[in-house]
Amino acid sequence: MKSSKAFTLVELMVVVLIVGILASVAVPLMSGRVDSAKWSEGRAAMGTIASALRAYAAEKGGFTGAPTLLEIGLRNNDLDGTYFSHEAYEITSASASEGRVSFVITCTAGDSTRSGKPAMPAWMTLTSSEANSYVATFAEGSGS
């Protein structure tokens, strides 16, 4: 009896079917991570704004009310990135006294002028306040 070392058509079709099933499961899982990766740029820029707020508070000794990005030393193009433009960032509230800086920084994806901006979540905030022991925490939302 002669043994064959080639694959049959049925064996090849089974392998193609298995690869197809694995691909159909993996693609949706990976595409959900794309927006998460894009938001890393937004989180980094909000961290830059937070650092600038802390430096501004150290320089001024304290402040009440949210200063503008220009007042804390950030120009518009300092925050422009691949997925978020400077229009997406806003210092919603900020104050500083006795060395403690409280702030809420919001990044709204819909306000960005970039075409590759993420779809979900709609916005993200970076908050540092006495309520959370002055630890910066991120929160996200789907509504506007």
N, C-alpha and C. Protein backbone atom coordinates (compact mmCIF):
# COMPACT_ATOMS: atom_id res chain seq x y z
N MET A 1 0.81 -1.17 0.00
CA MET A 1 0.00 0.00 0.00
C MET A 1 0.86 1.25 0.00
N LYS A 2 0.50 2.15 -0.80
CA LYS A 2 1.26 3.39 -0.96
C LYS A 2 0.60 4.49 -0.12
N SER A 3 1.38 5.19 0.76
CA SER A 3 0.79 6.26 1.57
C SER A 3 1.01 7.60 0.88
N SER A 4 -0.01 8.44 1.00
CA SER A 4 0.04 9.76 0.37
C SER A 4 0.48 10.79 1.40
N LYS A 5 1.33 11.71 0.99
CA LYS A 5 1.82 12.74 1.90
C LYS A 5 1.13 14.08 1.65
N ALA A 6 0.12 14.12 0.85
CA ALA A 6 -0.58 15.36 0.51
C ALA A 6 -1.87 15.47 1.33
N PHE A 7 -2.35 16.72 1.48
CA PHE A 7 -3.62 16.95 2.15
C PHE A 7 -4.75 16.75 1.15
N THR A 8 -5.86 16.25 1.65
CA THR A 8 -7.03 16.11 0.79
C THR A 8 -7.77 17.44 0.76
N LEU A 9 -8.64 17.58 -0.18
CA LEU A 9 -9.43 18.80 -0.31
C LEU A 9 -10.31 19.00 0.92
N VAL A 10 -10.84 17.94 1.48
CA VAL A 10 -11.70 18.04 2.67
C VAL A 10 -10.88 18.56 3.86
N GLU A 11 -9.68 18.08 4.04
CA GLU A 11 -8.84 18.54 5.14
C GLU A 11 -8.52 20.03 4.99
N LEU A 12 -8.22 20.47 3.80
CA LEU A 12 -7.94 21.88 3.56
C LEU A 12 -9.17 22.75 3.81
N MET A 13 -10.34 22.26 3.41
CA MET A 13 -11.59 23.01 3.63
C MET A 13 -11.88 23.14 5.13
N VAL A 14 -11.60 22.11 5.91
CA VAL A 14 -11.82 22.17 7.36
C VAL A 14 -10.89 23.22 7.99
N VAL A 15 -9.64 23.26 7.56
CA VAL A 15 -8.71 24.25 8.07
C VAL A 15 -9.16 25.66 7.72
N VAL A 16 -9.59 25.88 6.50
CA VAL A 16 -10.08 27.20 6.07
C VAL A 16 -11.31 27.59 6.89
N LEU A 17 -12.20 26.66 7.16
CA LEU A 17 -13.40 26.92 7.95
C LEU A 17 -13.02 27.33 9.38
N ILE A 18 -12.08 26.63 9.98
CA ILE A 18 -11.65 26.95 11.34
C ILE A 18 -11.00 28.33 11.40
N VAL A 19 -10.15 28.65 10.45
CA VAL A 19 -9.51 29.97 10.40
C VAL A 19 -10.57 31.06 10.21
N GLY A 20 -11.56 30.81 9.39
CA GLY A 20 -12.64 31.77 9.18
C GLY A 20 -13.44 32.03 10.44
N ILE A 21 -13.73 30.99 11.20
CA ILE A 21 -14.47 31.15 12.45
C ILE A 21 -13.64 31.94 13.45
N LEU A 22 -12.36 31.63 13.57
CA LEU A 22 -11.49 32.38 14.49
C LEU A 22 -11.39 33.86 14.10
N ALA A 23 -11.30 34.13 12.81
CA ALA A 23 -11.21 35.52 12.35
C ALA A 23 -12.51 36.27 12.64
N SER A 24 -13.65 35.62 12.44
CA SER A 24 -14.93 36.30 12.67
C SER A 24 -15.13 36.61 14.15
N VAL A 25 -14.51 35.87 15.04
CA VAL A 25 -14.59 36.15 16.47
C VAL A 25 -13.58 37.22 16.88
N ALA A 26 -12.39 37.18 16.32
CA ALA A 26 -11.31 38.07 16.74
C ALA A 26 -11.46 39.50 16.23
N VAL A 27 -11.99 39.70 15.04
CA VAL A 27 -12.08 41.04 14.46
C VAL A 27 -12.93 41.98 15.31
N PRO A 28 -14.14 41.61 15.76
CA PRO A 28 -14.89 42.54 16.62
C PRO A 28 -14.19 42.84 17.95
N LEU A 29 -13.49 41.86 18.49
CA LEU A 29 -12.78 42.10 19.74
C LEU A 29 -11.67 43.13 19.55
N MET A 30 -10.97 43.05 18.46
CA MET A 30 -9.87 43.97 18.20
C MET A 30 -10.37 45.36 17.82
N SER A 31 -11.46 45.45 17.09
CA SER A 31 -11.95 46.76 16.67
C SER A 31 -12.46 47.58 17.85
N GLY A 32 -12.91 46.93 18.92
CA GLY A 32 -13.33 47.65 20.12
C GLY A 32 -12.16 48.31 20.83
N ARG A 33 -10.98 47.86 20.60
CA ARG A 33 -9.78 48.41 21.22
C ARG A 33 -9.24 49.64 20.50
N VAL A 34 -9.71 49.88 19.30
CA VAL A 34 -9.21 51.02 18.52
C VAL A 34 -9.55 52.33 19.21
N ASP A 35 -10.82 52.50 19.62
CA ASP A 35 -11.21 53.74 20.31
C ASP A 35 -10.47 53.90 21.62
N SER A 36 -10.26 52.80 22.32
CA SER A 36 -9.52 52.85 23.57
C SER A 36 -8.09 53.35 23.34
N ALA A 37 -7.48 52.89 22.28
CA ALA A 37 -6.12 53.35 21.95
C ALA A 37 -6.12 54.83 21.57
N LYS A 38 -7.14 55.27 20.85
CA LYS A 38 -7.22 56.69 20.47
C LYS A 38 -7.39 57.57 21.71
N TRP A 39 -8.15 57.10 22.69
CA TRP A 39 -8.37 57.88 23.89
C TRP A 39 -7.10 58.04 24.72
N SER A 40 -6.11 57.18 24.51
CA SER A 40 -4.86 57.34 25.26
C SER A 40 -4.22 58.69 24.93
N GLU A 41 -4.40 59.17 23.70
CA GLU A 41 -3.89 60.49 23.33
C GLU A 41 -4.62 61.57 24.13
N GLY A 42 -5.94 61.44 24.25
CA GLY A 42 -6.73 62.42 25.01
C GLY A 42 -6.36 62.43 26.48
N ARG A 43 -6.16 61.24 27.07
CA ARG A 43 -5.77 61.16 28.48
C ARG A 43 -4.39 61.79 28.70
N ALA A 44 -3.48 61.57 27.77
CA ALA A 44 -2.14 62.16 27.89
C ALA A 44 -2.20 63.68 27.84
N ALA A 45 -3.00 64.22 26.94
CA ALA A 45 -3.12 65.68 26.83
C ALA A 45 -3.78 66.27 28.08
N MET A 46 -4.78 65.56 28.63
CA MET A 46 -5.40 66.06 29.86
C MET A 46 -4.39 66.03 31.01
N GLY A 47 -3.50 65.06 31.02
CA GLY A 47 -2.43 65.03 32.02
C GLY A 47 -1.48 66.20 31.85
N THR A 48 -1.22 66.59 30.61
CA THR A 48 -0.38 67.76 30.34
C THR A 48 -1.05 69.02 30.88
N ILE A 49 -2.35 69.13 30.67
CA ILE A 49 -3.10 70.29 31.18
C ILE A 49 -3.05 70.30 32.71
N ALA A 50 -3.21 69.13 33.34
CA ALA A 50 -3.17 69.04 34.80
C ALA A 50 -1.81 69.47 35.33
N SER A 51 -0.74 69.05 34.68
CA SER A 51 0.61 69.45 35.09
C SER A 51 0.79 70.96 34.96
N ALA A 52 0.27 71.52 33.87
CA ALA A 52 0.37 72.97 33.67
C ALA A 52 -0.43 73.73 34.73
N LEU A 53 -1.59 73.18 35.13
CA LEU A 53 -2.39 73.81 36.19
C LEU A 53 -1.62 73.80 37.52
N ARG A 54 -0.97 72.69 37.82
CA ARG A 54 -0.20 72.60 39.06
C ARG A 54 0.97 73.60 39.05
N ALA A 55 1.64 73.70 37.91
CA ALA A 55 2.75 74.66 37.79
C ALA A 55 2.24 76.09 37.90
N TYR A 56 1.10 76.37 37.30
CA TYR A 56 0.49 77.70 37.37
C TYR A 56 0.14 78.04 38.82
N ALA A 57 -0.41 77.06 39.55
CA ALA A 57 -0.76 77.28 40.96
C ALA A 57 0.49 77.53 41.79
N ALA A 58 1.56 76.80 41.52
CA ALA A 58 2.80 77.00 42.27
C ALA A 58 3.39 78.38 41.99
N GLU A 59 3.26 78.83 40.75
CA GLU A 59 3.80 80.13 40.38
C GLU A 59 2.97 81.27 40.95
N LYS A 60 1.65 81.13 40.91
CA LYS A 60 0.75 82.21 41.35
C LYS A 60 0.44 82.14 42.84
N GLY A 61 0.68 80.99 43.48
CA GLY A 61 0.36 80.84 44.90
C GLY A 61 -1.08 80.44 45.14
N GLY A 62 -1.87 80.35 44.11
CA GLY A 62 -3.28 79.97 44.23
C GLY A 62 -4.11 80.74 43.23
N PHE A 63 -5.30 80.26 42.99
CA PHE A 63 -6.22 80.94 42.08
C PHE A 63 -7.63 80.40 42.30
N THR A 64 -8.60 81.17 41.88
CA THR A 64 -10.00 80.72 41.89
C THR A 64 -10.54 80.88 40.48
N GLY A 65 -11.38 79.99 40.10
CA GLY A 65 -11.91 80.02 38.74
C GLY A 65 -10.95 79.34 37.78
N ALA A 66 -11.49 78.84 36.72
CA ALA A 66 -10.69 78.09 35.75
C ALA A 66 -9.93 79.04 34.83
N PRO A 67 -8.60 78.97 34.83
CA PRO A 67 -7.84 79.77 33.88
C PRO A 67 -7.95 79.18 32.48
N THR A 68 -7.65 79.97 31.51
CA THR A 68 -7.67 79.46 30.13
C THR A 68 -6.39 78.68 29.87
N LEU A 69 -6.39 77.91 28.81
CA LEU A 69 -5.20 77.16 28.44
C LEU A 69 -4.02 78.08 28.18
N LEU A 70 -4.30 79.23 27.57
CA LEU A 70 -3.25 80.20 27.28
C LEU A 70 -2.65 80.77 28.57
N GLU A 71 -3.50 81.01 29.56
CA GLU A 71 -3.02 81.56 30.84
C GLU A 71 -2.08 80.60 31.56
N ILE A 72 -2.31 79.30 31.40
CA ILE A 72 -1.43 78.34 32.09
C ILE A 72 -0.22 77.96 31.24
N GLY A 73 -0.06 78.63 30.11
CA GLY A 73 1.15 78.46 29.31
C GLY A 73 1.05 77.45 28.18
N LEU A 74 -0.16 77.04 27.81
CA LEU A 74 -0.33 76.10 26.71
C LEU A 74 -0.88 76.82 25.49
N ARG A 75 -0.17 76.69 24.38
CA ARG A 75 -0.68 77.23 23.13
C ARG A 75 -1.59 76.19 22.48
N ASN A 76 -2.43 76.62 21.57
CA ASN A 76 -3.38 75.70 20.92
C ASN A 76 -2.68 74.50 20.29
N ASN A 77 -1.60 74.74 19.56
CA ASN A 77 -0.96 73.63 18.87
C ASN A 77 -0.22 72.69 19.83
N ASP A 78 -0.06 73.06 21.11
CA ASP A 78 0.56 72.16 22.09
C ASP A 78 -0.32 70.93 22.33
N LEU A 79 -1.61 71.08 22.14
CA LEU A 79 -2.55 69.98 22.42
C LEU A 79 -3.04 69.28 21.17
N ASP A 80 -2.70 69.80 20.00
CA ASP A 80 -3.17 69.17 18.76
C ASP A 80 -2.44 67.85 18.54
N GLY A 81 -3.23 66.82 18.28
CA GLY A 81 -2.66 65.50 18.05
C GLY A 81 -3.29 64.85 16.84
N THR A 82 -3.11 63.56 16.73
CA THR A 82 -3.64 62.81 15.59
C THR A 82 -5.16 62.68 15.65
N TYR A 83 -5.71 62.46 16.84
CA TYR A 83 -7.14 62.21 16.99
C TYR A 83 -7.90 63.35 17.65
N PHE A 84 -7.21 64.18 18.41
CA PHE A 84 -7.86 65.28 19.12
C PHE A 84 -7.19 66.60 18.78
N SER A 85 -8.01 67.60 18.51
CA SER A 85 -7.50 68.96 18.30
C SER A 85 -7.70 69.73 19.61
N HIS A 86 -7.11 70.91 19.71
CA HIS A 86 -7.17 71.67 20.95
C HIS A 86 -8.60 72.06 21.33
N GLU A 87 -9.50 72.10 20.35
CA GLU A 87 -10.90 72.47 20.64
C GLU A 87 -11.60 71.43 21.52
N ALA A 88 -11.07 70.23 21.60
CA ALA A 88 -11.71 69.16 22.36
C ALA A 88 -11.49 69.29 23.87
N TYR A 89 -10.53 70.11 24.29
CA TYR A 89 -10.16 70.19 25.71
C TYR A 89 -10.73 71.44 26.36
N GLU A 90 -11.18 71.26 27.60
CA GLU A 90 -11.72 72.39 28.36
C GLU A 90 -11.41 72.20 29.84
N ILE A 91 -10.96 73.26 30.48
CA ILE A 91 -10.81 73.24 31.93
C ILE A 91 -12.17 73.63 32.47
N THR A 92 -12.94 72.64 32.91
CA THR A 92 -14.32 72.87 33.34
C THR A 92 -14.35 73.66 34.64
N SER A 93 -13.50 73.28 35.59
CA SER A 93 -13.38 74.03 36.83
C SER A 93 -11.98 73.82 37.39
N ALA A 94 -11.50 74.81 38.13
CA ALA A 94 -10.18 74.72 38.74
C ALA A 94 -10.05 75.74 39.85
N SER A 95 -9.34 75.35 40.89
CA SER A 95 -9.00 76.27 41.98
C SER A 95 -7.76 75.74 42.68
N ALA A 96 -7.05 76.62 43.35
CA ALA A 96 -5.86 76.23 44.07
C ALA A 96 -5.68 77.14 45.27
N SER A 97 -5.39 76.53 46.41
CA SER A 97 -5.05 77.30 47.60
C SER A 97 -4.31 76.37 48.56
N GLU A 98 -3.38 76.95 49.30
CA GLU A 98 -2.60 76.21 50.29
C GLU A 98 -1.94 74.97 49.69
N GLY A 99 -1.47 75.07 48.46
CA GLY A 99 -0.77 73.96 47.83
C GLY A 99 -1.66 72.84 47.30
N ARG A 100 -2.95 72.99 47.39
CA ARG A 100 -3.88 71.97 46.91
C ARG A 100 -4.59 72.47 45.66
N VAL A 101 -4.45 71.72 44.59
CA VAL A 101 -5.05 72.10 43.32
C VAL A 101 -6.21 71.16 43.03
N SER A 102 -7.37 71.73 42.79
CA SER A 102 -8.55 70.96 42.40
C SER A 102 -8.92 71.35 40.98
N PHE A 103 -9.28 70.37 40.17
CA PHE A 103 -9.65 70.69 38.79
C PHE A 103 -10.53 69.60 38.20
N VAL A 104 -11.24 69.99 37.16
CA VAL A 104 -11.97 69.06 36.29
C VAL A 104 -11.63 69.47 34.87
N ILE A 105 -11.00 68.57 34.14
CA ILE A 105 -10.62 68.80 32.75
C ILE A 105 -11.46 67.86 31.90
N THR A 106 -12.12 68.40 30.88
CA THR A 106 -12.99 67.59 30.03
C THR A 106 -12.44 67.55 28.62
N CYS A 107 -12.49 66.37 28.03
CA CYS A 107 -12.14 66.19 26.62
C CYS A 107 -13.37 65.61 25.93
N THR A 108 -13.89 66.32 24.96
CA THR A 108 -15.08 65.88 24.23
C THR A 108 -14.69 65.53 22.81
N ALA A 109 -14.86 64.27 22.46
CA ALA A 109 -14.43 63.79 21.14
C ALA A 109 -15.15 64.53 20.02
N GLY A 110 -16.41 64.84 20.20
CA GLY A 110 -17.19 65.52 19.17
C GLY A 110 -16.71 66.92 18.86
N ASP A 111 -16.00 67.55 19.79
CA ASP A 111 -15.48 68.90 19.58
C ASP A 111 -14.17 68.92 18.80
N SER A 112 -13.56 67.75 18.64
CA SER A 112 -12.30 67.67 17.90
C SER A 112 -12.55 67.87 16.41
N THR A 113 -11.64 68.54 15.75
CA THR A 113 -11.78 68.75 14.31
C THR A 113 -11.08 67.66 13.50
N ARG A 114 -10.54 66.67 14.17
CA ARG A 114 -9.85 65.57 13.49
C ARG A 114 -10.84 64.55 12.95
N SER A 115 -10.55 64.00 11.77
CA SER A 115 -11.45 63.03 11.16
C SER A 115 -11.35 61.66 11.81
N GLY A 116 -10.25 61.32 12.44
CA GLY A 116 -10.08 60.00 13.04
C GLY A 116 -10.47 59.93 14.50
N LYS A 117 -11.21 60.92 15.00
CA LYS A 117 -11.55 60.95 16.42
C LYS A 117 -12.35 59.71 16.83
N PRO A 118 -12.23 59.30 18.09
CA PRO A 118 -12.95 58.10 18.54
C PRO A 118 -14.44 58.33 18.62
N ALA A 119 -15.20 57.25 18.46
CA ALA A 119 -16.66 57.34 18.52
C ALA A 119 -17.18 57.16 19.94
N MET A 120 -16.56 56.31 20.70
CA MET A 120 -17.03 56.03 22.06
C MET A 120 -15.85 56.02 23.01
N PRO A 121 -15.97 56.51 24.22
CA PRO A 121 -17.09 57.26 24.75
C PRO A 121 -17.11 58.67 24.15
N ALA A 122 -18.21 59.36 24.38
CA ALA A 122 -18.36 60.69 23.80
C ALA A 122 -17.44 61.71 24.47
N TRP A 123 -17.17 61.55 25.75
CA TRP A 123 -16.32 62.48 26.48
C TRP A 123 -15.61 61.75 27.61
N MET A 124 -14.57 62.40 28.13
CA MET A 124 -13.83 61.86 29.26
C MET A 124 -13.39 63.03 30.13
N THR A 125 -13.41 62.84 31.44
CA THR A 125 -12.97 63.90 32.34
C THR A 125 -11.82 63.40 33.21
N LEU A 126 -10.96 64.33 33.58
CA LEU A 126 -9.89 64.09 34.54
C LEU A 126 -10.18 64.99 35.73
N THR A 127 -10.33 64.38 36.91
CA THR A 127 -10.74 65.11 38.10
C THR A 127 -9.73 64.92 39.22
N SER A 128 -9.41 65.99 39.89
CA SER A 128 -8.59 65.94 41.10
C SER A 128 -9.22 66.93 42.08
N SER A 129 -9.63 66.42 43.24
CA SER A 129 -10.29 67.28 44.22
C SER A 129 -10.12 66.72 45.62
N GLU A 130 -10.55 67.50 46.60
CA GLU A 130 -10.48 67.04 47.98
C GLU A 130 -11.33 65.78 48.18
N ALA A 131 -12.43 65.67 47.43
CA ALA A 131 -13.32 64.51 47.55
C ALA A 131 -12.61 63.20 47.21
N ASN A 132 -11.66 63.24 46.29
CA ASN A 132 -10.91 62.02 45.95
C ASN A 132 -9.47 62.09 46.44
N SER A 133 -9.25 62.85 47.51
CA SER A 133 -7.93 63.00 48.14
C SER A 133 -6.87 63.50 47.16
N TYR A 134 -7.27 64.34 46.25
CA TYR A 134 -6.38 64.99 45.29
C TYR A 134 -5.65 63.99 44.39
N VAL A 135 -6.28 62.87 44.13
CA VAL A 135 -5.75 61.89 43.18
C VAL A 135 -6.49 62.12 41.87
N ALA A 136 -5.77 62.18 40.79
CA ALA A 136 -6.40 62.40 39.48
C ALA A 136 -7.08 61.11 39.04
N THR A 137 -8.37 61.20 38.71
CA THR A 137 -9.13 60.04 38.25
C THR A 137 -9.83 60.37 36.96
N PHE A 138 -9.92 59.37 36.08
CA PHE A 138 -10.61 59.54 34.81
C PHE A 138 -12.01 58.97 34.90
N ALA A 139 -12.96 59.62 34.24
CA ALA A 139 -14.32 59.12 34.10
C ALA A 139 -14.73 59.35 32.67
N GLU A 140 -15.60 58.48 32.16
CA GLU A 140 -16.05 58.63 30.77
C GLU A 140 -17.55 58.60 30.71
N GLY A 141 -18.08 59.15 29.63
CA GLY A 141 -19.53 59.18 29.47
C GLY A 141 -19.93 59.04 28.02
N SER A 142 -21.18 58.62 27.84
CA SER A 142 -21.68 58.42 26.49
C SER A 142 -22.61 59.53 26.06
N GLY A 143 -23.15 60.29 27.00
CA GLY A 143 -24.05 61.39 26.63
C GLY A 143 -23.28 62.67 26.45
N SER A 144 -23.94 63.69 25.93
CA SER A 144 -23.25 64.95 25.76
C SER A 144 -23.73 65.98 26.74
